[in-house]
């Protein structure tokens, strides 16, 4: 089988690129190993909302409906992506997993579990959340409580009245802890490393807008001014066991570490409804012992320890994204990576920009 472009992944990035290519009159084939579009969005926990405003979070050509709230909830995002695929007549080949991508003369050979496909260009749009990361802690096999990765968490109801340990304070860990606290559970977050926290709205202005404006400022000025502004907005959080990394916010983002966008977790920590603890030294039969020597009892442990792209399973090393989510050399060779760069200005916004640029370059060539 031959096509101009193979798009790997039918999430927001894959759909956006496909829509742009269709508008440009370039033929393509979308491959998706799941049985539906946007599988990652469908499995996210139920309370999830976009952390970025809807006006800067839609895909090319189709804004979110005016009736949607400023921060769109998960189920409406899924419905929007379904409608987006239908609007542009995008018909992915579902249930097809890519096994390898390699050069074959002036083209690429994309090997799948359903056969090989020859393509002039390849767009990899599988995202950063392809495979859950599950660290191995000492004693975890002895822990008698429930153990799960945040990828398997859907709602708080089963944990009402229980002591729950959340391992990791990224955006997912912070929001799951809040979900649990609001539903009658007793969550404790193990803050394993320093973390930058920003409010979703800074003095009434969406943090996404602040991020867009601050990108033009010198990095040194950002690193100096942001801690002062955030202390004013959120208070000094060291007393609650939350310290900032030495690396500034923008430096962290460039290295692939997105700040926690607070939607109420900080207030719950201050009110004592969410506990904090340092890194875990070991798990015990009934709970965990922390690095400070304190031992606590827990009924469950939820590992909000992130994901990995997992594209190393089919991409050779020279074509994979780096920690910031880009790879200029890959683009030169004809493999485009879309949806791996996640700036504070918003992943979906970045996807829209990338998709249009990639489609324009492919059509131009």
Foldseek 3Di string as FASTA:
>chain_A
DEFAEEEEAQELLSLLLVLLLVVLVGTYAYAEQADDGRPLLVLAAQADWALAFQQLQDAPPDGQDPPADRTHGSVSVVVNSVVSCVVSVPDHDYNKAWQAWDDDDQWIWTQIPVGIYTYNFYEYELAFFNFDDDDDFAAPVLAPAAEEASSNDHAQVVQAPFEEEEEEDAQSSLVRLVRNLVRRHQYEYAHADAAAEAECAQVNHGVLVVQVVCVPPDPVVQQPPVVVSRCVRLNDCVVQVHHHDPDGQQRCLQLQGHGHHDPCSSVCSVVNSYHYAYDFNHAHHFGTARPVRDTDGGNYYYYHPGGGSPCVSHYPPLQAAHSQQDHVVNVVSRYHYAQHHQGSNGSSSRSNVRSNVSSVVSSVD
